């Protein structure tokens, strides 16, 4: 799992990079949610929460 993105790092990205990263994170989140929906325990329980927070950070910076 890639390390957590900080708001400062997100602000340094170009708008295209932000959109690309956002779509990658959303895909990864859907994959993790799919695994947990099938009844399997997620390999790392904090991953879903971390992905949601990173998505929220990117959206917040984009809306500034």
PDB file of N, CA and C in Angstrom:
ATOM      1  N   UNK A   1       0.840  -1.181   0.000  1.00  0.00           N
ATOM      2  CA  UNK A   1       0.000   0.000   0.000  1.00  0.00           C
ATOM      3  C   UNK A   1       0.885   1.244   0.000  1.00  0.00           C
ATOM      4  N   UNK A   2       0.585   2.192  -0.914  1.00  0.00           N
ATOM      5  CA  UNK A   2       1.383   3.407  -0.937  1.00  0.00           C
ATOM      6  C   UNK A   2       1.178   4.199   0.346  1.00  0.00           C
ATOM      7  N   UNK A   3       2.198   4.982   0.690  1.00  0.00           N
ATOM      8  CA  UNK A   3       2.084   5.710   1.940  1.00  0.00           C
ATOM      9  C   UNK A   3       1.031   6.804   1.849  1.00  0.00           C
ATOM     10  N   UNK A   4       0.573   7.209   3.003  1.00  0.00           N
ATOM     11  CA  UNK A   4      -0.488   8.207   3.127  1.00  0.00           C
ATOM     12  C   UNK A   4      -0.076   9.528   2.467  1.00  0.00           C
ATOM     13  N   UNK A   5      -0.994  10.113   1.706  1.00  0.00           N
ATOM     14  CA  UNK A   5      -0.736  11.403   1.083  1.00  0.00           C
ATOM     15  C   UNK A   5      -1.050  12.514   2.074  1.00  0.00           C
ATOM     16  N   UNK A   6      -0.199  13.498   2.137  1.00  0.00           N
ATOM     17  CA  UNK A   6      -0.427  14.655   2.991  1.00  0.00           C
ATOM     18  C   UNK A   6      -0.975  15.785   2.118  1.00  0.00           C
ATOM     19  N   UNK A   7      -1.699  16.717   2.749  1.00  0.00           N
ATOM     20  CA  UNK A   7      -2.299  17.828   2.007  1.00  0.00           C
ATOM     21  C   UNK A   7      -1.235  18.632   1.259  1.00  0.00           C
ATOM     22  N   UNK A   8      -0.067  18.804   1.885  1.00  0.00           N
ATOM     23  CA  UNK A   8       1.013  19.563   1.243  1.00  0.00           C
ATOM     24  C   UNK A   8       1.443  18.888  -0.062  1.00  0.00           C
ATOM     25  N   UNK A   9       1.558  17.547  -0.030  1.00  0.00           N
ATOM     26  CA  UNK A   9       1.958  16.804  -1.233  1.00  0.00           C
ATOM     27  C   UNK A   9       0.886  16.939  -2.312  1.00  0.00           C
ATOM     28  N   UNK A  10      -0.372  16.899  -1.901  1.00  0.00           N
ATOM     29  CA  UNK A  10      -1.471  16.986  -2.869  1.00  0.00           C
ATOM     30  C   UNK A  10      -1.472  18.350  -3.545  1.00  0.00           C
ATOM     31  N   UNK A  11      -1.215  19.408  -2.764  1.00  0.00           N
ATOM     32  CA  UNK A  11      -1.185  20.767  -3.333  1.00  0.00           C
ATOM     33  C   UNK A  11      -0.053  20.937  -4.341  1.00  0.00           C
ATOM     34  N   UNK A  12       1.031  20.171  -4.176  1.00  0.00           N
ATOM     35  CA  UNK A  12       2.160  20.262  -5.096  1.00  0.00           C
ATOM     36  C   UNK A  12       1.911  19.539  -6.411  1.00  0.00           C
ATOM     37  N   UNK A  13       0.892  18.674  -6.449  1.00  0.00           N
ATOM     38  CA  UNK A  13       0.579  17.927  -7.676  1.00  0.00           C
ATOM     39  C   UNK A  13      -0.116  18.838  -8.686  1.00  0.00           C
ATOM     40  N   UNK A  14       0.005  18.465  -9.956  1.00  0.00           N
ATOM     41  CA  UNK A  14      -0.751  19.175 -10.980  1.00  0.00           C
ATOM     42  C   UNK A  14      -2.202  18.667 -10.931  1.00  0.00           C
ATOM     43  N   UNK A  15      -3.138  19.449 -11.462  1.00  0.00           N
ATOM     44  CA  UNK A  15      -4.546  19.003 -11.462  1.00  0.00           C
ATOM     45  C   UNK A  15      -4.743  17.631 -12.122  1.00  0.00           C
ATOM     46  N   UNK A  16      -3.964  17.359 -13.197  1.00  0.00           N
ATOM     47  CA  UNK A  16      -4.094  16.066 -13.883  1.00  0.00           C
ATOM     48  C   UNK A  16      -3.625  14.932 -12.970  1.00  0.00           C
ATOM     49  N   UNK A  17      -2.528  15.169 -12.232  1.00  0.00           N
ATOM     50  CA  UNK A  17      -2.022  14.152 -11.307  1.00  0.00           C
ATOM     51  C   UNK A  17      -3.040  13.877 -10.202  1.00  0.00           C
ATOM     52  N   UNK A  18      -3.691  14.930  -9.714  1.00  0.00           N
ATOM     53  CA  UNK A  18      -4.701  14.750  -8.664  1.00  0.00           C
ATOM     54  C   UNK A  18      -5.851  13.879  -9.151  1.00  0.00           C
ATOM     55  N   UNK A  19      -6.328  14.167 -10.367  1.00  0.00           N
ATOM     56  CA  UNK A  19      -7.438  13.380 -10.909  1.00  0.00           C
ATOM     57  C   UNK A  19      -7.037  11.922 -11.105  1.00  0.00           C
ATOM     58  N   UNK A  20      -5.814  11.712 -11.584  1.00  0.00           N
ATOM     59  CA  UNK A  20      -5.323  10.351 -11.804  1.00  0.00           C
ATOM     60  C   UNK A  20      -5.239   9.601 -10.477  1.00  0.00           C
ATOM     61  N   UNK A  21      -4.663  10.244  -9.454  1.00  0.00           N
ATOM     62  CA  UNK A  21      -4.515   9.629  -8.139  1.00  0.00           C
ATOM     63  C   UNK A  21      -5.878   9.352  -7.518  1.00  0.00           C
ATOM     64  N   UNK A  22      -6.823  10.286  -7.706  1.00  0.00           N
ATOM     65  CA  UNK A  22      -8.168  10.115  -7.173  1.00  0.00           C
ATOM     66  C   UNK A  22      -8.837   8.877  -7.772  1.00  0.00           C
ATOM     67  N   UNK A  23      -8.703   8.696  -9.090  1.00  0.00           N
ATOM     68  CA  UNK A  23      -9.329   7.531  -9.713  1.00  0.00           C
ATOM     69  C   UNK A  23      -8.656   6.234  -9.250  1.00  0.00           C
ATOM     70  N   UNK A  24      -7.325   6.267  -9.058  1.00  0.00           N
ATOM     71  CA  UNK A  24      -6.619   5.078  -8.558  1.00  0.00           C
ATOM     72  C   UNK A  24      -7.107   4.705  -7.161  1.00  0.00           C
ATOM     73  N   UNK A  25      -7.238   5.713  -6.292  1.00  0.00           N
ATOM     74  CA  UNK A  25      -7.682   5.456  -4.923  1.00  0.00           C
ATOM     75  C   UNK A  25      -9.115   4.928  -4.900  1.00  0.00           C
ATOM     76  N   UNK A  26      -9.972   5.488  -5.745  1.00  0.00           N
ATOM     77  CA  UNK A  26     -11.364   5.031  -5.791  1.00  0.00           C
ATOM     78  C   UNK A  26     -11.452   3.583  -6.265  1.00  0.00           C
ATOM     79  N   UNK A  27     -10.627   3.231  -7.263  1.00  0.00           N
ATOM     80  CA  UNK A  27     -10.608   1.833  -7.739  1.00  0.00           C
ATOM     81  C   UNK A  27     -10.162   0.894  -6.626  1.00  0.00           C
ATOM     82  N   UNK A  28      -9.121   1.298  -5.919  1.00  0.00           N
ATOM     83  CA  UNK A  28      -8.596   0.475  -4.836  1.00  0.00           C
ATOM     84  C   UNK A  28      -9.626   0.323  -3.721  1.00  0.00           C
ATOM     85  N   UNK A  29     -10.346   1.408  -3.424  1.00  0.00           N
ATOM     86  CA  UNK A  29     -11.383   1.366  -2.392  1.00  0.00           C
ATOM     87  C   UNK A  29     -12.505   0.406  -2.810  1.00  0.00           C
ATOM     88  N   UNK A  30     -12.922   0.469  -4.064  1.00  0.00           N
ATOM     89  CA  UNK A  30     -13.976  -0.427  -4.537  1.00  0.00           C
ATOM     90  C   UNK A  30     -13.526  -1.883  -4.437  1.00  0.00           C
ATOM     91  N   UNK A  31     -12.281  -2.137  -4.739  1.00  0.00           N
ATOM     92  CA  UNK A  31     -11.740  -3.491  -4.636  1.00  0.00           C
ATOM     93  C   UNK A  31     -11.789  -3.976  -3.185  1.00  0.00           C
ATOM     94  N   UNK A  32     -11.337  -3.135  -2.260  1.00  0.00           N
ATOM     95  CA  UNK A  32     -11.335  -3.503  -0.841  1.00  0.00           C
ATOM     96  C   UNK A  32     -12.749  -3.710  -0.314  1.00  0.00           C
ATOM     97  N   UNK A  33     -13.671  -2.835  -0.717  1.00  0.00           N
ATOM     98  CA  UNK A  33     -15.062  -2.974  -0.273  1.00  0.00           C
ATOM     99  C   UNK A  33     -15.675  -4.249  -0.830  1.00  0.00           C
ATOM    100  N   UNK A  34     -15.296  -4.598  -2.071  1.00  0.00           N
ATOM    101  CA  UNK A  34     -15.785  -5.833  -2.675  1.00  0.00           C
ATOM    102  C   UNK A  34     -15.309  -7.057  -1.904  1.00  0.00           C
ATOM    103  N   UNK A  35     -14.040  -7.041  -1.493  1.00  0.00           N
ATOM    104  CA  UNK A  35     -13.502  -8.160  -0.713  1.00  0.00           C
ATOM    105  C   UNK A  35     -14.237  -8.305   0.611  1.00  0.00           C
ATOM    106  N   UNK A  36     -14.471  -7.188   1.294  1.00  0.00           N
ATOM    107  CA  UNK A  36     -15.122  -7.269   2.596  1.00  0.00           C
ATOM    108  C   UNK A  36     -16.600  -7.630   2.447  1.00  0.00           C
ATOM    109  N   UNK A  37     -17.215  -7.257   1.318  1.00  0.00           N
ATOM    110  CA  UNK A  37     -18.625  -7.575   1.097  1.00  0.00           C
ATOM    111  C   UNK A  37     -18.823  -9.074   0.867  1.00  0.00           C
ATOM    112  N   UNK A  38     -17.785  -9.742   0.366  1.00  0.00           N
ATOM    113  CA  UNK A  38     -17.902 -11.178   0.115  1.00  0.00           C
ATOM    114  C   UNK A  38     -17.716 -11.986   1.393  1.00  0.00           C
ATOM    115  N   UNK A  39     -17.576 -11.289   2.494  1.00  0.00           N
ATOM    116  CA  UNK A  39     -17.476 -11.992   3.765  1.00  0.00           C
ATOM    117  C   UNK A  39     -16.056 -12.250   4.215  1.00  0.00           C
ATOM    118  N   UNK A  40     -15.107 -11.956   3.358  1.00  0.00           N
ATOM    119  CA  UNK A  40     -13.716 -12.160   3.741  1.00  0.00           C
ATOM    120  C   UNK A  40     -13.242 -11.024   4.628  1.00  0.00           C
ATOM    121  N   UNK A  41     -12.469 -11.353   5.645  1.00  0.00           N
ATOM    122  CA  UNK A  41     -11.910 -10.306   6.485  1.00  0.00           C
ATOM    123  C   UNK A  41     -10.814  -9.601   5.686  1.00  0.00           C
ATOM    124  N   UNK A  42     -10.840  -8.275   5.648  1.00  0.00           N
ATOM    125  CA  UNK A  42      -9.800  -7.583   4.888  1.00  0.00           C
ATOM    126  C   UNK A  42      -8.420  -7.839   5.491  1.00  0.00           C
ATOM    127  N   UNK A  43      -7.414  -7.992   4.639  1.00  0.00           N
ATOM    128  CA  UNK A  43      -6.069  -8.285   5.140  1.00  0.00           C
ATOM    129  C   UNK A  43      -5.552  -7.196   6.083  1.00  0.00           C
ATOM    130  N   UNK A  44      -5.865  -5.933   5.785  1.00  0.00           N
ATOM    131  CA  UNK A  44      -5.483  -4.849   6.693  1.00  0.00           C
ATOM    132  C   UNK A  44      -6.727  -4.015   6.972  1.00  0.00           C
ATOM    133  N   UNK A  45      -7.297  -4.138   8.155  1.00  0.00           N
ATOM    134  CA  UNK A  45      -8.564  -3.483   8.475  1.00  0.00           C
ATOM    135  C   UNK A  45      -8.555  -1.966   8.339  1.00  0.00           C
ATOM    136  N   UNK A  46      -7.421  -1.323   8.551  1.00  0.00           N
ATOM    137  CA  UNK A  46      -7.377   0.131   8.470  1.00  0.00           C
ATOM    138  C   UNK A  46      -7.262   0.665   7.062  1.00  0.00           C
ATOM    139  N   UNK A  47      -7.139  -0.223   6.090  1.00  0.00           N
ATOM    140  CA  UNK A  47      -6.904   0.218   4.711  1.00  0.00           C
ATOM    141  C   UNK A  47      -8.101   0.973   4.136  1.00  0.00           C
ATOM    142  N   UNK A  48      -9.318   0.491   4.388  1.00  0.00           N
ATOM    143  CA  UNK A  48     -10.509   1.147   3.851  1.00  0.00           C
ATOM    144  C   UNK A  48     -10.617   2.566   4.412  1.00  0.00           C
ATOM    145  N   UNK A  49     -10.407   2.703   5.702  1.00  0.00           N
ATOM    146  CA  UNK A  49     -10.481   4.020   6.334  1.00  0.00           C
ATOM    147  C   UNK A  49      -9.410   4.951   5.764  1.00  0.00           C
ATOM    148  N   UNK A  50      -8.205   4.421   5.592  1.00  0.00           N
ATOM    149  CA  UNK A  50      -7.099   5.210   5.050  1.00  0.00           C
ATOM    150  C   UNK A  50      -7.416   5.681   3.624  1.00  0.00           C
ATOM    151  N   UNK A  51      -7.966   4.789   2.805  1.00  0.00           N
ATOM    152  CA  UNK A  51      -8.308   5.151   1.428  1.00  0.00           C
ATOM    153  C   UNK A  51      -9.372   6.245   1.406  1.00  0.00           C
ATOM    154  N   UNK A  52     -10.380   6.101   2.267  1.00  0.00           N
ATOM    155  CA  UNK A  52     -11.436   7.116   2.323  1.00  0.00           C
ATOM    156  C   UNK A  52     -10.886   8.477   2.720  1.00  0.00           C
ATOM    157  N   UNK A  53      -9.978   8.481   3.667  1.00  0.00           N
ATOM    158  CA  UNK A  53      -9.385   9.753   4.119  1.00  0.00           C
ATOM    159  C   UNK A  53      -8.547  10.390   3.019  1.00  0.00           C
ATOM    160  N   UNK A  54      -7.784   9.576   2.289  1.00  0.00           N
ATOM    161  CA  UNK A  54      -6.960  10.124   1.205  1.00  0.00           C
ATOM    162  C   UNK A  54      -7.832  10.715   0.106  1.00  0.00           C
ATOM    163  N   UNK A  55      -8.937  10.025  -0.218  1.00  0.00           N
ATOM    164  CA  UNK A  55      -9.869  10.541  -1.225  1.00  0.00           C
ATOM    165  C   UNK A  55     -10.436  11.874  -0.752  1.00  0.00           C
ATOM    166  N   UNK A  56     -10.834  11.938   0.513  1.00  0.00           N
ATOM    167  CA  UNK A  56     -11.399  13.175   1.064  1.00  0.00           C
ATOM    168  C   UNK A  56     -10.377  14.310   1.027  1.00  0.00           C
ATOM    169  N   UNK A  57      -9.115  14.008   1.323  1.00  0.00           N
ATOM    170  CA  UNK A  57      -8.066  15.041   1.286  1.00  0.00           C
ATOM    171  C   UNK A  57      -7.916  15.613  -0.119  1.00  0.00           C
ATOM    172  N   UNK A  58      -7.888  14.725  -1.111  1.00  0.00           N
ATOM    173  CA  UNK A  58      -7.727  15.182  -2.499  1.00  0.00           C
ATOM    174  C   UNK A  58      -8.913  16.057  -2.895  1.00  0.00           C
ATOM    175  N   UNK A  59     -10.133  15.619  -2.577  1.00  0.00           N
ATOM    176  CA  UNK A  59     -11.318  16.390  -2.927  1.00  0.00           C
ATOM    177  C   UNK A  59     -11.324  17.747  -2.220  1.00  0.00           C
ATOM    178  N   UNK A  60     -10.882  17.776  -0.987  1.00  0.00           N
ATOM    179  CA  UNK A  60     -10.832  19.031  -0.244  1.00  0.00           C
ATOM    180  C   UNK A  60      -9.872  20.015  -0.901  1.00  0.00           C
ATOM    181  N   UNK A  61      -8.677  19.544  -1.257  1.00  0.00           N
ATOM    182  CA  UNK A  61      -7.698  20.415  -1.906  1.00  0.00           C
ATOM    183  C   UNK A  61      -8.221  20.894  -3.258  1.00  0.00           C
ATOM    184  N   UNK A  62      -8.876  20.001  -4.000  1.00  0.00           N
ATOM    185  CA  UNK A  62      -9.401  20.381  -5.311  1.00  0.00           C
ATOM    186  C   UNK A  62     -10.490  21.436  -5.201  1.00  0.00           C
ATOM    187  N   UNK A  63     -11.249  21.425  -4.121  1.00  0.00           N
ATOM    188  CA  UNK A  63     -12.351  22.386  -3.960  1.00  0.00           C
ATOM    189  C   UNK A  63     -11.913  23.711  -3.334  1.00  0.00           C
ATOM    190  N   UNK A  64     -10.651  23.813  -2.957  1.00  0.00           N
ATOM    191  CA  UNK A  64     -10.185  25.048  -2.324  1.00  0.00           C
ATOM    192  C   UNK A  64     -10.140  26.191  -3.328  1.00  0.00           C
TER     193      UNK A  64
END
